[in-house]
Amino acid sequence: MVKINPFLLACWLALALLTPAGAAPGDPLATAQQLFDQRHFSDALKAIDSTPAAQALAPRRLFLRGLILTELGRREEAMATFKKLTIDYPELPEPYNNLAVLQAQAGQFDQARVSLELAVRLQPSNPMALENLGDLYLRLAMQAYDHARQLNPKAVGAQRKREALRALAPASDSAR
């Protein structure tokens, strides 16, 4: 009969509970993804930052790091990460889309427009980038009507169009 050491059993159980399901032991990227999915963003960042140097610049790792930073509210770092992805991997549409969302949130609407137009050009069938681009155009139109009203407070047409667009505005505030 095999005798089990209670101390070793307790250590093994603790390790099993701390390792996310589906993550291979020693795979920081899989662990980070699992922690991200479980909304444990600080732990996910620690896991992804422990990625071996050989994988540090891999697009999947950088993209996940950008998502984690976004969730942690570290917008500038997330923007820098997505920007790096667009430079190193200009053929990938997703980093442009995520960068654009952050740019729009920061009020950088012209840069967001450029980023979204690039995302759509790279993948014309990307529904998220297309919707984000439509939301951004809506926001830009509202700004233009507001500016027209400032220049001419009697501009009834601009006021009416602005009010018509306002019903759609909440959808433009969501980040994707």
N, C-alpha and C. Protein backbone atom coordinates (compact mmCIF):
# COMPACT_ATOMS: atom_id res chain seq x y z
N MET A 1 0.84 -1.18 0.00
CA MET A 1 0.00 0.00 0.00
C MET A 1 0.88 1.24 0.00
N VAL A 2 0.51 2.23 -0.83
CA VAL A 2 1.28 3.47 -0.94
C VAL A 2 0.81 4.44 0.12
N LYS A 3 1.76 5.01 0.82
CA LYS A 3 1.44 5.98 1.86
C LYS A 3 1.70 7.38 1.31
N ILE A 4 0.76 8.29 1.49
CA ILE A 4 0.86 9.65 0.98
C ILE A 4 1.30 10.56 2.10
N ASN A 5 2.33 11.33 1.84
CA ASN A 5 2.82 12.31 2.80
C ASN A 5 1.84 13.48 2.83
N PRO A 6 1.19 13.76 3.99
CA PRO A 6 0.19 14.83 4.06
C PRO A 6 0.76 16.20 3.68
N PHE A 7 2.02 16.47 4.00
CA PHE A 7 2.63 17.76 3.66
C PHE A 7 2.76 17.91 2.15
N LEU A 8 3.25 16.84 1.48
CA LEU A 8 3.39 16.89 0.02
C LEU A 8 2.02 16.99 -0.66
N LEU A 9 1.04 16.30 -0.11
CA LEU A 9 -0.30 16.38 -0.66
C LEU A 9 -0.84 17.80 -0.55
N ALA A 10 -0.63 18.45 0.59
CA ALA A 10 -1.10 19.83 0.78
C ALA A 10 -0.39 20.77 -0.19
N CYS A 11 0.92 20.58 -0.39
CA CYS A 11 1.66 21.42 -1.35
C CYS A 11 1.13 21.23 -2.77
N TRP A 12 0.89 19.99 -3.15
CA TRP A 12 0.39 19.71 -4.49
C TRP A 12 -0.99 20.34 -4.69
N LEU A 13 -1.87 20.21 -3.69
CA LEU A 13 -3.20 20.81 -3.80
C LEU A 13 -3.13 22.33 -3.90
N ALA A 14 -2.24 22.94 -3.13
CA ALA A 14 -2.08 24.40 -3.20
C ALA A 14 -1.62 24.81 -4.58
N LEU A 15 -0.66 24.10 -5.15
CA LEU A 15 -0.17 24.40 -6.49
C LEU A 15 -1.29 24.23 -7.52
N ALA A 16 -2.07 23.18 -7.38
CA ALA A 16 -3.16 22.94 -8.32
C ALA A 16 -4.20 24.06 -8.25
N LEU A 17 -4.48 24.55 -7.06
CA LEU A 17 -5.46 25.63 -6.92
C LEU A 17 -4.95 26.96 -7.44
N LEU A 18 -3.64 27.19 -7.38
CA LEU A 18 -3.07 28.45 -7.83
C LEU A 18 -2.82 28.48 -9.32
N THR A 19 -2.73 27.33 -9.96
CA THR A 19 -2.51 27.28 -11.41
C THR A 19 -3.87 27.29 -12.10
N PRO A 20 -4.16 28.32 -12.93
CA PRO A 20 -5.45 28.37 -13.61
C PRO A 20 -5.67 27.15 -14.48
N ALA A 21 -6.94 26.73 -14.54
CA ALA A 21 -7.29 25.56 -15.36
C ALA A 21 -6.94 25.84 -16.81
N GLY A 22 -6.36 24.88 -17.48
CA GLY A 22 -6.03 25.02 -18.89
C GLY A 22 -4.68 25.67 -19.13
N ALA A 23 -4.06 26.23 -18.11
CA ALA A 23 -2.76 26.85 -18.29
C ALA A 23 -1.68 25.81 -18.05
N ALA A 24 -0.77 25.72 -18.98
CA ALA A 24 0.33 24.78 -18.82
C ALA A 24 1.28 25.33 -17.77
N PRO A 25 1.73 24.49 -16.85
CA PRO A 25 2.68 24.97 -15.85
C PRO A 25 3.90 25.56 -16.55
N GLY A 26 4.31 26.74 -16.12
CA GLY A 26 5.48 27.37 -16.71
C GLY A 26 5.18 28.16 -17.97
N ASP A 27 3.95 28.28 -18.38
CA ASP A 27 3.59 29.07 -19.57
C ASP A 27 2.95 30.38 -19.12
N PRO A 28 3.75 31.43 -18.95
CA PRO A 28 3.23 32.70 -18.44
C PRO A 28 2.14 33.31 -19.32
N LEU A 29 2.23 33.11 -20.62
CA LEU A 29 1.23 33.68 -21.52
C LEU A 29 -0.13 33.02 -21.33
N ALA A 30 -0.14 31.69 -21.22
CA ALA A 30 -1.40 30.98 -20.97
C ALA A 30 -1.96 31.34 -19.60
N THR A 31 -1.08 31.46 -18.63
CA THR A 31 -1.51 31.85 -17.28
C THR A 31 -2.10 33.26 -17.31
N ALA A 32 -1.42 34.18 -17.98
CA ALA A 32 -1.90 35.56 -18.08
C ALA A 32 -3.26 35.62 -18.76
N GLN A 33 -3.44 34.84 -19.83
CA GLN A 33 -4.72 34.82 -20.53
C GLN A 33 -5.83 34.32 -19.61
N GLN A 34 -5.53 33.27 -18.88
CA GLN A 34 -6.51 32.70 -17.95
C GLN A 34 -6.88 33.71 -16.87
N LEU A 35 -5.88 34.37 -16.30
CA LEU A 35 -6.12 35.37 -15.27
C LEU A 35 -6.89 36.57 -15.83
N PHE A 36 -6.57 36.94 -17.05
CA PHE A 36 -7.30 38.03 -17.71
C PHE A 36 -8.77 37.64 -17.88
N ASP A 37 -9.02 36.43 -18.35
CA ASP A 37 -10.39 35.96 -18.54
C ASP A 37 -11.16 35.93 -17.21
N GLN A 38 -10.44 35.71 -16.12
CA GLN A 38 -11.06 35.68 -14.79
C GLN A 38 -11.11 37.08 -14.17
N ARG A 39 -10.66 38.08 -14.91
CA ARG A 39 -10.67 39.48 -14.49
C ARG A 39 -9.73 39.76 -13.31
N HIS A 40 -8.66 38.99 -13.22
CA HIS A 40 -7.61 39.21 -12.22
C HIS A 40 -6.47 39.94 -12.93
N PHE A 41 -6.70 41.23 -13.22
CA PHE A 41 -5.83 41.97 -14.12
C PHE A 41 -4.42 42.20 -13.55
N SER A 42 -4.30 42.50 -12.28
CA SER A 42 -2.97 42.72 -11.70
C SER A 42 -2.14 41.45 -11.76
N ASP A 43 -2.76 40.33 -11.43
CA ASP A 43 -2.05 39.05 -11.50
C ASP A 43 -1.73 38.69 -12.95
N ALA A 44 -2.62 39.02 -13.85
CA ALA A 44 -2.37 38.75 -15.28
C ALA A 44 -1.17 39.54 -15.77
N LEU A 45 -1.06 40.79 -15.34
CA LEU A 45 0.08 41.62 -15.75
C LEU A 45 1.39 41.03 -15.21
N LYS A 46 1.37 40.58 -13.95
CA LYS A 46 2.57 39.95 -13.39
C LYS A 46 2.95 38.72 -14.19
N ALA A 47 1.95 37.93 -14.56
CA ALA A 47 2.23 36.70 -15.32
C ALA A 47 2.79 37.04 -16.70
N ILE A 48 2.19 38.01 -17.36
CA ILE A 48 2.65 38.32 -18.73
C ILE A 48 4.03 38.97 -18.70
N ASP A 49 4.31 39.71 -17.64
CA ASP A 49 5.63 40.34 -17.55
C ASP A 49 6.72 39.33 -17.18
N SER A 50 6.33 38.13 -16.81
CA SER A 50 7.32 37.09 -16.53
C SER A 50 7.59 36.23 -17.77
N THR A 51 7.06 36.65 -18.91
CA THR A 51 7.28 35.93 -20.16
C THR A 51 8.77 35.93 -20.50
N PRO A 52 9.30 34.83 -20.96
CA PRO A 52 10.72 34.78 -21.33
C PRO A 52 11.06 35.84 -22.38
N ALA A 53 12.28 36.33 -22.35
CA ALA A 53 12.73 37.39 -23.26
C ALA A 53 12.49 37.03 -24.72
N ALA A 54 12.60 35.75 -25.05
CA ALA A 54 12.41 35.33 -26.44
C ALA A 54 10.99 35.57 -26.92
N GLN A 55 10.02 35.60 -25.99
CA GLN A 55 8.62 35.81 -26.36
C GLN A 55 8.14 37.22 -26.05
N ALA A 56 8.99 38.06 -25.48
CA ALA A 56 8.57 39.37 -24.98
C ALA A 56 7.96 40.25 -26.06
N LEU A 57 8.39 40.12 -27.30
CA LEU A 57 7.88 40.97 -28.38
C LEU A 57 6.90 40.26 -29.29
N ALA A 58 6.47 39.08 -28.91
CA ALA A 58 5.50 38.34 -29.71
C ALA A 58 4.19 39.12 -29.77
N PRO A 59 3.54 39.18 -30.92
CA PRO A 59 2.32 40.00 -31.05
C PRO A 59 1.20 39.59 -30.10
N ARG A 60 1.01 38.30 -29.88
CA ARG A 60 -0.06 37.85 -28.98
C ARG A 60 0.20 38.33 -27.56
N ARG A 61 1.45 38.26 -27.12
CA ARG A 61 1.82 38.71 -25.79
C ARG A 61 1.63 40.22 -25.65
N LEU A 62 2.11 40.98 -26.63
CA LEU A 62 1.97 42.43 -26.58
C LEU A 62 0.50 42.85 -26.60
N PHE A 63 -0.30 42.18 -27.42
CA PHE A 63 -1.71 42.53 -27.51
C PHE A 63 -2.41 42.26 -26.17
N LEU A 64 -2.16 41.10 -25.59
CA LEU A 64 -2.76 40.79 -24.29
C LEU A 64 -2.28 41.77 -23.23
N ARG A 65 -1.03 42.15 -23.27
CA ARG A 65 -0.50 43.13 -22.31
C ARG A 65 -1.23 44.47 -22.47
N GLY A 66 -1.47 44.86 -23.72
CA GLY A 66 -2.22 46.09 -23.96
C GLY A 66 -3.63 46.03 -23.40
N LEU A 67 -4.29 44.89 -23.57
CA LEU A 67 -5.64 44.71 -23.03
C LEU A 67 -5.63 44.79 -21.50
N ILE A 68 -4.64 44.14 -20.90
CA ILE A 68 -4.53 44.14 -19.44
C ILE A 68 -4.31 45.57 -18.93
N LEU A 69 -3.39 46.28 -19.56
CA LEU A 69 -3.12 47.66 -19.16
C LEU A 69 -4.36 48.54 -19.31
N THR A 70 -5.13 48.30 -20.36
CA THR A 70 -6.37 49.04 -20.56
C THR A 70 -7.32 48.79 -19.40
N GLU A 71 -7.48 47.53 -19.03
CA GLU A 71 -8.38 47.18 -17.93
C GLU A 71 -7.91 47.74 -16.59
N LEU A 72 -6.60 47.89 -16.44
CA LEU A 72 -6.05 48.45 -15.21
C LEU A 72 -6.12 49.98 -15.19
N GLY A 73 -6.60 50.57 -16.29
CA GLY A 73 -6.70 52.02 -16.36
C GLY A 73 -5.38 52.70 -16.66
N ARG A 74 -4.42 51.97 -17.11
CA ARG A 74 -3.10 52.52 -17.45
C ARG A 74 -3.08 52.83 -18.95
N ARG A 75 -3.88 53.83 -19.30
CA ARG A 75 -4.18 54.16 -20.70
C ARG A 75 -2.94 54.51 -21.51
N GLU A 76 -2.05 55.33 -20.97
CA GLU A 76 -0.86 55.74 -21.73
C GLU A 76 0.02 54.54 -22.06
N GLU A 77 0.22 53.66 -21.10
CA GLU A 77 1.02 52.46 -21.34
C GLU A 77 0.34 51.54 -22.35
N ALA A 78 -0.98 51.42 -22.24
CA ALA A 78 -1.72 50.59 -23.20
C ALA A 78 -1.60 51.18 -24.61
N MET A 79 -1.74 52.50 -24.71
CA MET A 79 -1.61 53.15 -26.02
C MET A 79 -0.22 52.90 -26.61
N ALA A 80 0.82 53.02 -25.77
CA ALA A 80 2.18 52.79 -26.24
C ALA A 80 2.35 51.34 -26.71
N THR A 81 1.73 50.41 -26.01
CA THR A 81 1.82 48.99 -26.39
C THR A 81 1.14 48.75 -27.73
N PHE A 82 -0.08 49.27 -27.90
CA PHE A 82 -0.79 49.08 -29.17
C PHE A 82 -0.07 49.81 -30.30
N LYS A 83 0.49 50.98 -30.01
CA LYS A 83 1.23 51.73 -31.03
C LYS A 83 2.44 50.92 -31.49
N LYS A 84 3.15 50.31 -30.52
CA LYS A 84 4.30 49.46 -30.87
C LYS A 84 3.86 48.31 -31.77
N LEU A 85 2.72 47.73 -31.45
CA LEU A 85 2.21 46.64 -32.29
C LEU A 85 1.93 47.12 -33.71
N THR A 86 1.37 48.32 -33.86
CA THR A 86 1.07 48.83 -35.21
C THR A 86 2.34 49.11 -36.00
N ILE A 87 3.42 49.42 -35.29
CA ILE A 87 4.70 49.67 -35.97
C ILE A 87 5.38 48.35 -36.32
N ASP A 88 5.42 47.43 -35.35
CA ASP A 88 6.11 46.16 -35.56
C ASP A 88 5.32 45.17 -36.42
N TYR A 89 3.99 45.26 -36.35
CA TYR A 89 3.12 44.33 -37.09
C TYR A 89 2.01 45.14 -37.79
N PRO A 90 2.38 45.96 -38.78
CA PRO A 90 1.40 46.85 -39.41
C PRO A 90 0.29 46.12 -40.16
N GLU A 91 0.43 44.83 -40.36
CA GLU A 91 -0.58 44.06 -41.08
C GLU A 91 -1.73 43.59 -40.19
N LEU A 92 -1.61 43.77 -38.86
CA LEU A 92 -2.65 43.31 -37.93
C LEU A 92 -3.66 44.43 -37.67
N PRO A 93 -4.95 44.20 -37.92
CA PRO A 93 -5.95 45.26 -37.72
C PRO A 93 -6.33 45.50 -36.25
N GLU A 94 -6.27 44.47 -35.41
CA GLU A 94 -6.77 44.59 -34.04
C GLU A 94 -6.05 45.66 -33.22
N PRO A 95 -4.71 45.75 -33.30
CA PRO A 95 -4.06 46.80 -32.52
C PRO A 95 -4.50 48.21 -32.92
N TYR A 96 -4.77 48.41 -34.22
CA TYR A 96 -5.25 49.73 -34.67
C TYR A 96 -6.61 50.03 -34.04
N ASN A 97 -7.48 49.04 -33.99
CA ASN A 97 -8.80 49.23 -33.42
C ASN A 97 -8.70 49.59 -31.93
N ASN A 98 -7.91 48.82 -31.19
CA ASN A 98 -7.79 49.08 -29.76
C ASN A 98 -7.09 50.41 -29.48
N LEU A 99 -6.09 50.74 -30.28
CA LEU A 99 -5.42 52.03 -30.14
C LEU A 99 -6.42 53.15 -30.40
N ALA A 100 -7.26 53.00 -31.41
CA ALA A 100 -8.25 54.03 -31.74
C ALA A 100 -9.24 54.26 -30.61
N VAL A 101 -9.68 53.20 -29.97
CA VAL A 101 -10.62 53.35 -28.85
C VAL A 101 -9.97 54.19 -27.75
N LEU A 102 -8.72 53.90 -27.43
CA LEU A 102 -8.02 54.66 -26.40
C LEU A 102 -7.77 56.11 -26.84
N GLN A 103 -7.45 56.28 -28.12
CA GLN A 103 -7.25 57.63 -28.63
C GLN A 103 -8.55 58.44 -28.54
N ALA A 104 -9.65 57.82 -28.89
CA ALA A 104 -10.94 58.52 -28.82
C ALA A 104 -11.27 58.87 -27.37
N GLN A 105 -11.02 57.95 -26.46
CA GLN A 105 -11.28 58.23 -25.05
C GLN A 105 -10.43 59.39 -24.54
N ALA A 106 -9.24 59.56 -25.13
CA ALA A 106 -8.35 60.65 -24.74
C ALA A 106 -8.66 61.94 -25.51
N GLY A 107 -9.70 61.92 -26.36
CA GLY A 107 -10.07 63.11 -27.12
C GLY A 107 -9.23 63.31 -28.36
N GLN A 108 -8.44 62.34 -28.74
CA GLN A 108 -7.59 62.42 -29.93
C GLN A 108 -8.36 61.86 -31.13
N PHE A 109 -9.40 62.56 -31.53
CA PHE A 109 -10.33 62.04 -32.53
C PHE A 109 -9.71 61.89 -33.91
N ASP A 110 -8.84 62.81 -34.31
CA ASP A 110 -8.22 62.68 -35.63
C ASP A 110 -7.31 61.46 -35.70
N GLN A 111 -6.52 61.23 -34.64
CA GLN A 111 -5.66 60.05 -34.62
C GLN A 111 -6.51 58.78 -34.57
N ALA A 112 -7.60 58.81 -33.81
CA ALA A 112 -8.49 57.65 -33.73
C ALA A 112 -9.09 57.33 -35.09
N ARG A 113 -9.47 58.36 -35.82
CA ARG A 113 -10.04 58.17 -37.16
C ARG A 113 -9.02 57.49 -38.07
N VAL A 114 -7.78 57.98 -38.05
CA VAL A 114 -6.73 57.39 -38.88
C VAL A 114 -6.52 55.92 -38.49
N SER A 115 -6.44 55.65 -37.20
CA SER A 115 -6.22 54.27 -36.74
C SER A 115 -7.36 53.35 -37.17
N LEU A 116 -8.61 53.82 -37.03
CA LEU A 116 -9.75 52.99 -37.41
C LEU A 116 -9.83 52.80 -38.92
N GLU A 117 -9.52 53.83 -39.67
CA GLU A 117 -9.54 53.68 -41.12
C GLU A 117 -8.49 52.67 -41.58
N LEU A 118 -7.33 52.65 -40.90
CA LEU A 118 -6.32 51.64 -41.21
C LEU A 118 -6.81 50.24 -40.85
N ALA A 119 -7.45 50.11 -39.70
CA ALA A 119 -7.98 48.80 -39.28
C ALA A 119 -8.98 48.29 -40.31
N VAL A 120 -9.85 49.18 -40.78
CA VAL A 120 -10.87 48.78 -41.76
C VAL A 120 -10.23 48.48 -43.10
N ARG A 121 -9.22 49.24 -43.48
CA ARG A 121 -8.54 48.97 -44.74
C ARG A 121 -7.86 47.60 -44.71
N LEU A 122 -7.29 47.25 -43.55
CA LEU A 122 -6.62 45.96 -43.41
C LEU A 122 -7.60 44.80 -43.37
N GLN A 123 -8.76 45.03 -42.77
CA GLN A 123 -9.77 43.97 -42.66
C GLN A 123 -11.15 44.60 -42.86
N PRO A 124 -11.58 44.76 -44.10
CA PRO A 124 -12.85 45.43 -44.39
C PRO A 124 -14.08 44.74 -43.79
N SER A 125 -13.96 43.49 -43.41
CA SER A 125 -15.10 42.77 -42.84
C SER A 125 -15.05 42.72 -41.32
N ASN A 126 -14.29 43.61 -40.69
CA ASN A 126 -14.17 43.64 -39.23
C ASN A 126 -15.34 44.45 -38.65
N PRO A 127 -16.37 43.78 -38.13
CA PRO A 127 -17.56 44.51 -37.66
C PRO A 127 -17.27 45.45 -36.49
N MET A 128 -16.34 45.08 -35.62
CA MET A 128 -16.05 45.94 -34.47
C MET A 128 -15.38 47.24 -34.91
N ALA A 129 -14.40 47.13 -35.80
CA ALA A 129 -13.72 48.34 -36.29
C ALA A 129 -14.69 49.22 -37.08
N LEU A 130 -15.56 48.59 -37.86
CA LEU A 130 -16.55 49.37 -38.62
C LEU A 130 -17.52 50.09 -37.69
N GLU A 131 -17.98 49.41 -36.66
CA GLU A 131 -18.89 50.05 -35.71
C GLU A 131 -18.19 51.18 -34.96
N ASN A 132 -16.95 50.93 -34.54
CA ASN A 132 -16.19 51.98 -33.85
C ASN A 132 -15.96 53.18 -34.76
N LEU A 133 -15.70 52.92 -36.04
CA LEU A 133 -15.52 54.02 -36.99
C LEU A 133 -16.82 54.81 -37.14
N GLY A 134 -17.95 54.10 -37.23
CA GLY A 134 -19.25 54.78 -37.29
C GLY A 134 -19.51 55.61 -36.05
N ASP A 135 -19.19 55.06 -34.87
CA ASP A 135 -19.36 55.80 -33.62
C ASP A 135 -18.48 57.06 -33.61
N LEU A 136 -17.27 56.91 -34.11
CA LEU A 136 -16.37 58.06 -34.15
C LEU A 136 -16.88 59.13 -35.12
N TYR A 137 -17.36 58.71 -36.29
CA TYR A 137 -17.93 59.68 -37.24
C TYR A 137 -19.13 60.39 -36.60
N LEU A 138 -19.93 59.66 -35.85
CA LEU A 138 -21.06 60.26 -35.15
C LEU A 138 -20.58 61.34 -34.18
N ARG A 139 -19.57 61.02 -33.42
CA ARG A 139 -19.02 61.97 -32.45
C ARG A 139 -18.45 63.20 -33.16
N LEU A 140 -17.75 62.97 -34.28
CA LEU A 140 -17.19 64.08 -35.04
C LEU A 140 -18.30 64.95 -35.64
N ALA A 141 -19.37 64.33 -36.10
CA ALA A 141 -20.50 65.09 -36.64
C ALA A 141 -21.13 65.95 -35.54
N MET A 142 -21.29 65.39 -34.38
CA MET A 142 -21.87 66.16 -33.27
C MET A 142 -20.99 67.36 -32.93
N GLN A 143 -19.68 67.16 -32.95
CA GLN A 143 -18.76 68.27 -32.68
C GLN A 143 -18.89 69.35 -33.75
N ALA A 144 -19.01 68.93 -35.00
CA ALA A 144 -19.14 69.91 -36.09
C ALA A 144 -20.43 70.71 -35.94
N TYR A 145 -21.53 70.05 -35.59
CA TYR A 145 -22.79 70.78 -35.40
C TYR A 145 -22.70 71.72 -34.19
N ASP A 146 -22.02 71.29 -33.13
CA ASP A 146 -21.82 72.17 -31.98
C ASP A 146 -21.01 73.40 -32.37
N HIS A 147 -19.98 73.20 -33.17
CA HIS A 147 -19.15 74.32 -33.62
C HIS A 147 -19.95 75.26 -34.52
N ALA A 148 -20.77 74.69 -35.39
CA ALA A 148 -21.63 75.52 -36.26
C ALA A 148 -22.57 76.38 -35.41
N ARG A 149 -23.10 75.80 -34.34
CA ARG A 149 -24.00 76.56 -33.45
C ARG A 149 -23.25 77.65 -32.70
N GLN A 150 -22.01 77.40 -32.35
CA GLN A 150 -21.21 78.43 -31.68
C GLN A 150 -20.95 79.61 -32.61
N LEU A 151 -20.69 79.28 -33.87
CA LEU A 151 -20.44 80.33 -34.85
C LEU A 151 -21.70 81.10 -35.20
N ASN A 152 -22.82 80.38 -35.20
CA ASN A 152 -24.11 81.01 -35.53
C ASN A 152 -25.17 80.41 -34.62
N PRO A 153 -25.42 81.04 -33.46
CA PRO A 153 -26.40 80.51 -32.51
C PRO A 153 -27.81 80.35 -33.10
N LYS A 154 -28.09 81.00 -34.20
CA LYS A 154 -29.40 80.89 -34.84
C LYS A 154 -29.46 79.75 -35.86
N ALA A 155 -28.43 78.95 -35.94
CA ALA A 155 -28.37 77.85 -36.90
C ALA A 155 -29.30 76.74 -36.45
N VAL A 156 -30.55 76.85 -36.86
CA VAL A 156 -31.58 75.89 -36.46
C VAL A 156 -31.30 74.50 -37.04
N GLY A 157 -30.82 74.46 -38.25
CA GLY A 157 -30.53 73.17 -38.89
C GLY A 157 -29.47 72.39 -38.13
N ALA A 158 -28.41 73.08 -37.73
CA ALA A 158 -27.34 72.42 -36.98
C ALA A 158 -27.87 71.90 -35.64
N GLN A 159 -28.72 72.71 -34.99
CA GLN A 159 -29.30 72.30 -33.71
C GLN A 159 -30.17 71.06 -33.88
N ARG A 160 -30.99 71.06 -34.89
CA ARG A 160 -31.89 69.93 -35.14
C ARG A 160 -31.11 68.65 -35.44
N LYS A 161 -30.07 68.77 -36.26
CA LYS A 161 -29.26 67.60 -36.59
C LYS A 161 -28.51 67.09 -35.36
N ARG A 162 -28.01 68.01 -34.56
CA ARG A 162 -27.30 67.64 -33.33
C ARG A 162 -28.22 66.86 -32.39
N GLU A 163 -29.45 67.33 -32.26
CA GLU A 163 -30.42 66.65 -31.39
C GLU A 163 -30.78 65.28 -31.93
N ALA A 164 -30.87 65.16 -33.25
CA ALA A 164 -31.18 63.85 -33.85
C ALA A 164 -30.05 62.86 -33.58
N LEU A 165 -28.83 63.34 -33.63
CA LEU A 165 -27.69 62.46 -33.38
C LEU A 165 -27.53 62.11 -31.91
N ARG A 166 -28.00 62.99 -31.05
CA ARG A 166 -27.83 62.78 -29.61
C ARG A 166 -28.49 61.48 -29.15
N ALA A 167 -29.58 61.08 -29.79
CA ALA A 167 -30.23 59.83 -29.43
C ALA A 167 -29.33 58.63 -29.67
N LEU A 168 -28.40 58.77 -30.60
CA LEU A 168 -27.47 57.69 -30.91
C LEU A 168 -26.18 57.76 -30.10
N ALA A 169 -25.93 58.88 -29.46
CA ALA A 169 -24.65 59.14 -28.81
C ALA A 169 -24.24 58.13 -27.75
N PRO A 170 -25.11 57.59 -26.91
CA PRO A 170 -24.63 56.64 -25.89
C PRO A 170 -23.87 55.47 -26.47
N ALA A 171 -24.26 55.01 -27.65
CA ALA A 171 -23.57 53.89 -28.26
C ALA A 171 -22.14 54.26 -28.63
N SER A 172 -21.89 55.53 -28.87
CA SER A 172 -20.55 55.94 -29.27
C SER A 172 -19.60 56.04 -28.09
N ASP A 173 -20.11 55.96 -26.85
CA ASP A 173 -19.27 56.09 -25.68
C ASP A 173 -18.69 54.77 -25.21
N SER A 174 -19.13 53.66 -25.77
CA SER A 174 -18.64 52.36 -25.28
C SER A 174 -17.31 52.03 -25.93
N ALA A 175 -16.40 51.48 -25.14
CA ALA A 175 -15.11 51.06 -25.65
C ALA A 175 -15.16 49.60 -26.06
N ARG A 176 -14.57 49.31 -27.19
CA ARG A 176 -14.55 47.93 -27.67
C ARG A 176 -13.14 47.48 -27.89
